Amino acid sequence: MLCHGENCRGRSIHCCCNSISKISMRTTTINVHNNQQIEIFIKKHENWFELWQVGKIKQRIVIEHYLTHDDLESYLAYAKFGDLIWRDASHEEIPTEKHQNAIEYEETIKAGRFIDSQLSPHLDTTGFLPIDRKALNTAKRLILGKWTDGNVTLSLEPNHKLQWSCLNKPNLHKLGENISGHAPDWWDFARWQLPLWNTEHRCGVRASILHVDDQELHFPTGGAGIIARFCRRC
């Protein structure tokens, strides 16, 4: 679409007016992997948003950049509505350095495509963050023990031994989903991934871990709006 000066008002996603019009930008930060962060920047246009995700890989770098119709500020939460703190931001806060992933995503902007998903892939950038070995080793110690989300209970014991039970059939987004009716009996933890495996039937699941401390274990819900589900130590 061509820019029509004062009559355009930023309606075109390629409009040159966007760079000078008073379009609001907002940002929030999500803590992951115990000591790392993902910064989300959203720039509101007339009926769509421009989204950047920034992480630190040696230095702050744009990991994703694309267009979406999803109004993340209106519905996105870490564990419950209202727990993310949004603030006004400026474009100057976004680093100029771009990850190859962001460069590839920007091809969708050139093509006028929108990435609409309600959650994923808006939060699939944690895999690009470098592994902090000290934090990971601490997490490996902390993750040992018995955890429950109120339905699934799992005991992560030394030598990969796993005790697992659930009150009701776990849904797709709950930790410890039993595949084909076979409860997992083996576990591991590496690179912030928690595979749960049935050794006899050779089936299982792999869960990403967002955070672990003395009392809580956080993993992605995979559902709309809510980023994390909590297991609590028991």
C-alpha atoms as a PDB file:
ATOM      1  CA  MET A   1       0.000   0.000   0.000  1.00  0.00           C
ATOM      2  CA  LEU A   2       1.181   3.521  -0.747  1.00  0.00           C
ATOM      3  CA  CYS A   3       1.508   6.225   1.850  1.00  0.00           C
ATOM      4  CA  HIS A   4      -0.953   9.117   1.433  1.00  0.00           C
ATOM      5  CA  GLY A   5       0.638  11.611   3.784  1.00  0.00           C
ATOM      6  CA  GLU A   6      -1.704  13.179   6.321  1.00  0.00           C
ATOM      7  CA  ASN A   7      -4.625  11.035   5.146  1.00  0.00           C
ATOM      8  CA  CYS A   8      -2.742   7.789   5.682  1.00  0.00           C
ATOM      9  CA  ARG A   9      -2.445   7.870   9.496  1.00  0.00           C
ATOM     10  CA  GLY A  10      -0.263   4.775   9.514  1.00  0.00           C
ATOM     11  CA  ARG A  11      -2.882   2.427   8.045  1.00  0.00           C
ATOM     12  CA  SER A  12      -0.346   0.744   5.768  1.00  0.00           C
ATOM     13  CA  ILE A  13       2.130  -1.606   7.440  1.00  0.00           C
ATOM     14  CA  HIS A  14       4.777  -0.196   5.087  1.00  0.00           C
ATOM     15  CA  CYS A  15       3.745   3.409   5.675  1.00  0.00           C
ATOM     16  CA  CYS A  16       6.532   5.939   6.099  1.00  0.00           C
ATOM     17  CA  CYS A  17       4.265   7.900   8.468  1.00  0.00           C
ATOM     18  CA  ASN A  18       4.734   5.199  11.115  1.00  0.00           C
ATOM     19  CA  SER A  19       8.219   6.435  11.886  1.00  0.00           C
ATOM     20  CA  ILE A  20       7.014   9.922  12.770  1.00  0.00           C
ATOM     21  CA  SER A  21       3.465   9.386  14.037  1.00  0.00           C
ATOM     22  CA  LYS A  22       2.724   9.294  17.746  1.00  0.00           C
ATOM     23  CA  ILE A  23       2.278   5.551  18.124  1.00  0.00           C
ATOM     24  CA  SER A  24       2.438   4.174  21.648  1.00  0.00           C
ATOM     25  CA  MET A  25       5.024   1.575  22.596  1.00  0.00           C
ATOM     26  CA  ARG A  26       4.855  -0.607  25.699  1.00  0.00           C
ATOM     27  CA  THR A  27       7.213  -3.119  27.240  1.00  0.00           C
ATOM     28  CA  THR A  28       7.312  -5.805  29.909  1.00  0.00           C
ATOM     29  CA  THR A  29       9.931  -8.272  31.151  1.00  0.00           C
ATOM     30  CA  ILE A  30       9.531 -11.997  31.789  1.00  0.00           C
ATOM     31  CA  ASN A  31      12.022 -13.761  34.046  1.00  0.00           C
ATOM     32  CA  VAL A  32      13.139 -17.185  32.843  1.00  0.00           C
ATOM     33  CA  HIS A  33      15.754 -19.806  33.757  1.00  0.00           C
ATOM     34  CA  ASN A  34      16.153 -18.285  37.244  1.00  0.00           C
ATOM     35  CA  ASN A  35      18.452 -15.414  36.221  1.00  0.00           C
ATOM     36  CA  GLN A  36      17.627 -14.476  32.609  1.00  0.00           C
ATOM     37  CA  GLN A  37      15.009 -12.261  31.004  1.00  0.00           C
ATOM     38  CA  ILE A  38      12.945 -11.913  27.868  1.00  0.00           C
ATOM     39  CA  GLU A  39      11.871  -8.342  27.091  1.00  0.00           C
ATOM     40  CA  ILE A  40       8.717  -7.858  25.044  1.00  0.00           C
ATOM     41  CA  PHE A  41       8.124  -4.594  23.189  1.00  0.00           C
ATOM     42  CA  ILE A  42       4.824  -3.919  21.455  1.00  0.00           C
ATOM     43  CA  LYS A  43       4.065  -0.932  19.262  1.00  0.00           C
ATOM     44  CA  LYS A  44       0.378  -0.277  18.700  1.00  0.00           C
ATOM     45  CA  HIS A  45      -0.771   0.736  15.248  1.00  0.00           C
ATOM     46  CA  GLU A  46      -4.363   1.403  14.224  1.00  0.00           C
ATOM     47  CA  ASN A  47      -5.630  -2.189  14.447  1.00  0.00           C
ATOM     48  CA  TRP A  48      -2.490  -4.276  14.769  1.00  0.00           C
ATOM     49  CA  PHE A  49       0.767  -4.453  16.687  1.00  0.00           C
ATOM     50  CA  GLU A  50       4.456  -4.664  15.938  1.00  0.00           C
ATOM     51  CA  LEU A  51       6.274  -6.970  18.341  1.00  0.00           C
ATOM     52  CA  TRP A  52       9.926  -7.356  19.311  1.00  0.00           C
ATOM     53  CA  GLN A  53      11.412  -9.896  21.712  1.00  0.00           C
ATOM     54  CA  VAL A  54      14.806  -9.064  23.163  1.00  0.00           C
ATOM     55  CA  GLY A  55      17.178 -11.302  25.079  1.00  0.00           C
ATOM     56  CA  LYS A  56      20.803 -11.184  26.152  1.00  0.00           C
ATOM     57  CA  ILE A  57      23.220 -13.293  24.114  1.00  0.00           C
ATOM     58  CA  LYS A  58      26.546 -11.753  25.140  1.00  0.00           C
ATOM     59  CA  GLN A  59      24.707  -8.462  24.617  1.00  0.00           C
ATOM     60  CA  ARG A  60      21.050  -7.440  24.270  1.00  0.00           C
ATOM     61  CA  ILE A  61      19.789  -8.547  20.884  1.00  0.00           C
ATOM     62  CA  VAL A  62      16.463  -8.698  19.037  1.00  0.00           C
ATOM     63  CA  ILE A  63      15.480 -12.367  18.779  1.00  0.00           C
ATOM     64  CA  GLU A  64      12.070 -11.955  17.146  1.00  0.00           C
ATOM     65  CA  HIS A  65      10.363  -9.124  15.265  1.00  0.00           C
ATOM     66  CA  TYR A  66       7.007  -9.492  13.536  1.00  0.00           C
ATOM     67  CA  LEU A  67       3.455  -8.187  13.217  1.00  0.00           C
ATOM     68  CA  THR A  68       0.439  -9.497  15.094  1.00  0.00           C
ATOM     69  CA  HIS A  69      -3.206  -8.688  15.771  1.00  0.00           C
ATOM     70  CA  ASP A  70      -2.827 -10.042  19.333  1.00  0.00           C
ATOM     71  CA  ASP A  71      -3.047  -7.398  22.050  1.00  0.00           C
ATOM     72  CA  LEU A  72      -0.642  -9.020  24.486  1.00  0.00           C
ATOM     73  CA  GLU A  73      -0.915  -6.339  27.139  1.00  0.00           C
ATOM     74  CA  SER A  74      -4.656  -6.909  27.455  1.00  0.00           C
ATOM     75  CA  TYR A  75      -4.491 -10.630  28.215  1.00  0.00           C
ATOM     76  CA  LEU A  76      -0.946 -11.924  28.718  1.00  0.00           C
ATOM     77  CA  ALA A  77      -0.030 -13.007  32.266  1.00  0.00           C
ATOM     78  CA  TYR A  78       2.750 -15.005  33.832  1.00  0.00           C
ATOM     79  CA  ALA A  79       0.627 -17.019  36.271  1.00  0.00           C
ATOM     80  CA  LYS A  80      -2.443 -14.843  36.876  1.00  0.00           C
ATOM     81  CA  PHE A  81      -3.982 -11.812  35.221  1.00  0.00           C
ATOM     82  CA  GLY A  82      -2.276  -8.552  36.096  1.00  0.00           C
ATOM     83  CA  ASP A  83       1.017  -9.976  37.324  1.00  0.00           C
ATOM     84  CA  LEU A  84       3.089  -8.589  34.433  1.00  0.00           C
ATOM     85  CA  ILE A  85       4.146  -4.959  34.798  1.00  0.00           C
ATOM     86  CA  TRP A  86       3.918  -2.960  31.576  1.00  0.00           C
ATOM     87  CA  ARG A  87       5.371   0.510  31.102  1.00  0.00           C
ATOM     88  CA  ASP A  88       5.767   3.078  28.374  1.00  0.00           C
ATOM     89  CA  ALA A  89       8.862   2.616  26.238  1.00  0.00           C
ATOM     90  CA  SER A  90      10.671   4.235  23.336  1.00  0.00           C
ATOM     91  CA  HIS A  91      12.024   2.696  20.175  1.00  0.00           C
ATOM     92  CA  GLU A  92      15.532   3.671  21.265  1.00  0.00           C
ATOM     93  CA  GLU A  93      15.371   0.984  23.980  1.00  0.00           C
ATOM     94  CA  ILE A  94      15.292  -1.756  21.345  1.00  0.00           C
ATOM     95  CA  PRO A  95      18.825  -2.849  20.387  1.00  0.00           C
ATOM     96  CA  THR A  96      19.895  -2.528  16.766  1.00  0.00           C
ATOM     97  CA  GLU A  97      21.648  -5.916  16.806  1.00  0.00           C
ATOM     98  CA  LYS A  98      19.434  -8.703  15.413  1.00  0.00           C
ATOM     99  CA  HIS A  99      19.592 -12.463  15.755  1.00  0.00           C
ATOM    100  CA  GLN A 100      19.273 -14.440  12.522  1.00  0.00           C
ATOM    101  CA  ASN A 101      15.899 -15.623  13.781  1.00  0.00           C
ATOM    102  CA  ALA A 102      14.655 -12.012  13.893  1.00  0.00           C
ATOM    103  CA  ILE A 103      15.969 -11.364  10.392  1.00  0.00           C
ATOM    104  CA  GLU A 104      14.038 -14.375   9.117  1.00  0.00           C
ATOM    105  CA  TYR A 105      10.873 -13.284  10.935  1.00  0.00           C
ATOM    106  CA  GLU A 106      11.151  -9.843   9.329  1.00  0.00           C
ATOM    107  CA  GLU A 107      10.514 -11.497   5.979  1.00  0.00           C
ATOM    108  CA  THR A 108       6.920 -11.930   7.174  1.00  0.00           C
ATOM    109  CA  ILE A 109       6.710  -8.162   7.714  1.00  0.00           C
ATOM    110  CA  LYS A 110       7.881  -7.533   4.150  1.00  0.00           C
ATOM    111  CA  ALA A 111       5.219  -9.975   2.954  1.00  0.00           C
ATOM    112  CA  GLY A 112       2.519  -8.271   5.037  1.00  0.00           C
ATOM    113  CA  ARG A 113       1.860 -11.404   7.087  1.00  0.00           C
ATOM    114  CA  PHE A 114       0.684 -11.429  10.687  1.00  0.00           C
ATOM    115  CA  ILE A 115       1.663 -13.916  13.395  1.00  0.00           C
ATOM    116  CA  ASP A 116      -1.495 -14.436  15.438  1.00  0.00           C
ATOM    117  CA  SER A 117      -1.440 -17.139  18.078  1.00  0.00           C
ATOM    118  CA  GLN A 118      -2.646 -15.942  21.523  1.00  0.00           C
ATOM    119  CA  LEU A 119       0.591 -17.230  23.076  1.00  0.00           C
ATOM    120  CA  SER A 120       2.999 -19.304  21.013  1.00  0.00           C
ATOM    121  CA  PRO A 121       5.163 -18.337  19.150  1.00  0.00           C
ATOM    122  CA  HIS A 122       5.076 -15.087  21.142  1.00  0.00           C
ATOM    123  CA  LEU A 123       7.078 -16.816  23.882  1.00  0.00           C
ATOM    124  CA  ASP A 124       9.248 -19.348  22.090  1.00  0.00           C
ATOM    125  CA  THR A 125      12.484 -17.356  22.362  1.00  0.00           C
ATOM    126  CA  THR A 126      13.860 -18.910  25.563  1.00  0.00           C
ATOM    127  CA  GLY A 127      15.565 -21.611  23.517  1.00  0.00           C
ATOM    128  CA  PHE A 128      17.847 -18.988  21.967  1.00  0.00           C
ATOM    129  CA  LEU A 129      19.227 -17.833  25.327  1.00  0.00           C
ATOM    130  CA  PRO A 130      22.678 -19.101  26.328  1.00  0.00           C
ATOM    131  CA  ILE A 131      22.886 -21.652  29.132  1.00  0.00           C
ATOM    132  CA  ASP A 132      24.229 -20.236  32.385  1.00  0.00           C
ATOM    133  CA  ARG A 133      25.995 -23.315  33.769  1.00  0.00           C
ATOM    134  CA  LYS A 134      26.066 -22.056  37.352  1.00  0.00           C
ATOM    135  CA  ALA A 135      22.324 -21.345  37.372  1.00  0.00           C
ATOM    136  CA  LEU A 136      21.584 -24.655  35.653  1.00  0.00           C
ATOM    137  CA  ASN A 137      23.667 -26.646  38.131  1.00  0.00           C
ATOM    138  CA  THR A 138      21.877 -24.940  41.020  1.00  0.00           C
ATOM    139  CA  ALA A 139      18.545 -25.774  39.387  1.00  0.00           C
ATOM    140  CA  LYS A 140      19.595 -29.430  39.048  1.00  0.00           C
ATOM    141  CA  ARG A 141      19.981 -29.595  42.820  1.00  0.00           C
ATOM    142  CA  LEU A 142      16.786 -27.709  43.545  1.00  0.00           C
ATOM    143  CA  ILE A 143      14.611 -29.779  41.216  1.00  0.00           C
ATOM    144  CA  LEU A 144      15.118 -32.954  43.266  1.00  0.00           C
ATOM    145  CA  GLY A 145      12.139 -33.751  45.466  1.00  0.00           C
ATOM    146  CA  LYS A 146       8.393 -34.142  45.369  1.00  0.00           C
ATOM    147  CA  TRP A 147       6.193 -31.697  43.423  1.00  0.00           C
ATOM    148  CA  THR A 148       2.484 -31.326  42.717  1.00  0.00           C
ATOM    149  CA  ASP A 149       0.216 -29.024  40.720  1.00  0.00           C
ATOM    150  CA  GLY A 150      -2.837 -30.299  42.595  1.00  0.00           C
ATOM    151  CA  ASN A 151      -3.482 -33.078  40.104  1.00  0.00           C
ATOM    152  CA  VAL A 152      -0.161 -34.541  39.041  1.00  0.00           C
ATOM    153  CA  THR A 153       2.351 -35.463  41.738  1.00  0.00           C
ATOM    154  CA  LEU A 154       5.881 -36.414  40.795  1.00  0.00           C
ATOM    155  CA  SER A 155       8.875 -37.298  42.888  1.00  0.00           C
ATOM    156  CA  LEU A 156      12.172 -36.607  41.137  1.00  0.00           C
ATOM    157  CA  GLU A 157      14.670 -38.842  42.878  1.00  0.00           C
ATOM    158  CA  PRO A 158      18.408 -39.444  42.421  1.00  0.00           C
ATOM    159  CA  ASN A 159      19.634 -41.716  39.615  1.00  0.00           C
ATOM    160  CA  HIS A 160      16.738 -40.626  37.360  1.00  0.00           C
ATOM    161  CA  LYS A 161      14.157 -42.514  39.415  1.00  0.00           C
ATOM    162  CA  LEU A 162      10.658 -41.066  39.072  1.00  0.00           C
ATOM    163  CA  GLN A 163       7.519 -41.699  41.114  1.00  0.00           C
ATOM    164  CA  TRP A 164       4.461 -40.317  39.329  1.00  0.00           C
ATOM    165  CA  SER A 165       0.713 -40.241  40.000  1.00  0.00           C
ATOM    166  CA  CYS A 166      -2.322 -38.167  39.110  1.00  0.00           C
ATOM    167  CA  LEU A 167      -5.839 -37.761  40.456  1.00  0.00           C
ATOM    168  CA  ASN A 168      -7.454 -37.172  37.076  1.00  0.00           C
ATOM    169  CA  LYS A 169      -6.267 -37.725  33.537  1.00  0.00           C
ATOM    170  CA  PRO A 170      -3.837 -34.852  32.908  1.00  0.00           C
ATOM    171  CA  ASN A 171      -4.573 -32.624  29.961  1.00  0.00           C
ATOM    172  CA  LEU A 172      -2.128 -31.697  27.221  1.00  0.00           C
ATOM    173  CA  HIS A 173      -0.638 -28.775  29.106  1.00  0.00           C
ATOM    174  CA  LYS A 174      -0.021 -30.389  32.486  1.00  0.00           C
ATOM    175  CA  LEU A 175       3.345 -31.652  33.587  1.00  0.00           C
ATOM    176  CA  GLY A 176       3.558 -35.434  33.621  1.00  0.00           C
ATOM    177  CA  GLU A 177       1.095 -36.253  30.881  1.00  0.00           C
ATOM    178  CA  ASN A 178       1.099 -40.037  30.479  1.00  0.00           C
ATOM    179  CA  ILE A 179       1.414 -41.017  26.836  1.00  0.00           C
ATOM    180  CA  SER A 180      -0.758 -43.908  25.632  1.00  0.00           C
ATOM    181  CA  GLY A 181      -1.758 -44.632  29.221  1.00  0.00           C
ATOM    182  CA  HIS A 182       1.788 -45.388  30.400  1.00  0.00           C
ATOM    183  CA  ALA A 183       2.993 -43.489  33.452  1.00  0.00           C
ATOM    184  CA  PRO A 184       6.586 -42.169  33.244  1.00  0.00           C
ATOM    185  CA  ASP A 185       9.160 -43.787  35.553  1.00  0.00           C
ATOM    186  CA  TRP A 186      12.396 -42.036  34.449  1.00  0.00           C
ATOM    187  CA  TRP A 187      13.417 -38.396  34.349  1.00  0.00           C
ATOM    188  CA  ASP A 188      16.347 -36.190  33.434  1.00  0.00           C
ATOM    189  CA  PHE A 189      17.086 -32.477  33.511  1.00  0.00           C
ATOM    190  CA  ALA A 190      19.382 -30.717  31.031  1.00  0.00           C
ATOM    191  CA  ARG A 191      19.335 -27.388  29.195  1.00  0.00           C
ATOM    192  CA  TRP A 192      16.173 -26.450  31.138  1.00  0.00           C
ATOM    193  CA  GLN A 193      14.326 -29.418  29.640  1.00  0.00           C
ATOM    194  CA  LEU A 194      12.652 -32.090  31.796  1.00  0.00           C
ATOM    195  CA  PRO A 195      11.975 -35.328  29.882  1.00  0.00           C
ATOM    196  CA  LEU A 196       9.610 -37.781  31.611  1.00  0.00           C
ATOM    197  CA  TRP A 197       9.878 -41.252  30.125  1.00  0.00           C
ATOM    198  CA  ASN A 198       8.332 -44.715  30.448  1.00  0.00           C
ATOM    199  CA  THR A 199      11.322 -47.032  30.065  1.00  0.00           C
ATOM    200  CA  GLU A 200       9.363 -50.186  29.282  1.00  0.00           C
ATOM    201  CA  HIS A 201       7.136 -48.725  26.590  1.00  0.00           C
ATOM    202  CA  ARG A 202       9.656 -46.122  25.423  1.00  0.00           C
ATOM    203  CA  CYS A 203       7.281 -43.186  25.392  1.00  0.00           C
ATOM    204  CA  GLY A 204       6.967 -39.926  27.277  1.00  0.00           C
ATOM    205  CA  VAL A 205       6.995 -36.148  27.166  1.00  0.00           C
ATOM    206  CA  ARG A 206       9.502 -33.331  27.403  1.00  0.00           C
ATOM    207  CA  ALA A 207       8.635 -30.219  29.428  1.00  0.00           C
ATOM    208  CA  SER A 208      10.458 -26.900  29.349  1.00  0.00           C
ATOM    209  CA  ILE A 209      11.254 -25.508  32.792  1.00  0.00           C
ATOM    210  CA  LEU A 210      11.013 -21.748  33.264  1.00  0.00           C
ATOM    211  CA  HIS A 211      12.033 -21.523  36.920  1.00  0.00           C
ATOM    212  CA  VAL A 212      12.779 -23.658  39.958  1.00  0.00           C
ATOM    213  CA  ASP A 213      13.520 -22.678  43.552  1.00  0.00           C
ATOM    214  CA  ASP A 214      13.094 -24.159  47.033  1.00  0.00           C
ATOM    215  CA  GLN A 215       9.295 -24.078  46.834  1.00  0.00           C
ATOM    216  CA  GLU A 216       8.140 -23.720  43.217  1.00  0.00           C
ATOM    217  CA  LEU A 217       8.659 -25.347  39.819  1.00  0.00           C
ATOM    218  CA  HIS A 218       7.378 -23.368  36.811  1.00  0.00           C
ATOM    219  CA  PHE A 219       6.716 -24.805  33.374  1.00  0.00           C
ATOM    220  CA  PRO A 220       4.854 -23.435  30.328  1.00  0.00           C
ATOM    221  CA  THR A 221       1.121 -24.046  30.154  1.00  0.00           C
ATOM    222  CA  GLY A 222       0.928 -23.973  26.363  1.00  0.00           C
ATOM    223  CA  GLY A 223      -2.486 -22.359  26.792  1.00  0.00           C
ATOM    224  CA  ALA A 224      -3.850 -18.974  25.828  1.00  0.00           C
ATOM    225  CA  GLY A 225      -2.803 -16.020  27.907  1.00  0.00           C
ATOM    226  CA  ILE A 226      -1.144 -17.722  30.889  1.00  0.00           C
ATOM    227  CA  ILE A 227       2.580 -18.371  30.494  1.00  0.00           C
ATOM    228  CA  ALA A 228       3.385 -20.586  33.473  1.00  0.00           C
ATOM    229  CA  ARG A 229       1.824 -23.300  35.570  1.00  0.00           C
ATOM    230  CA  PHE A 230       3.230 -23.874  39.050  1.00  0.00           C
ATOM    231  CA  CYS A 231       4.104 -27.072  40.827  1.00  0.00           C
ATOM    232  CA  ARG A 232       4.712 -26.651  44.538  1.00  0.00           C
ATOM    233  CA  ARG A 233       7.005 -28.701  46.702  1.00  0.00           C
ATOM    234  CA  CYS A 234       5.194 -31.183  48.920  1.00  0.00           C
END
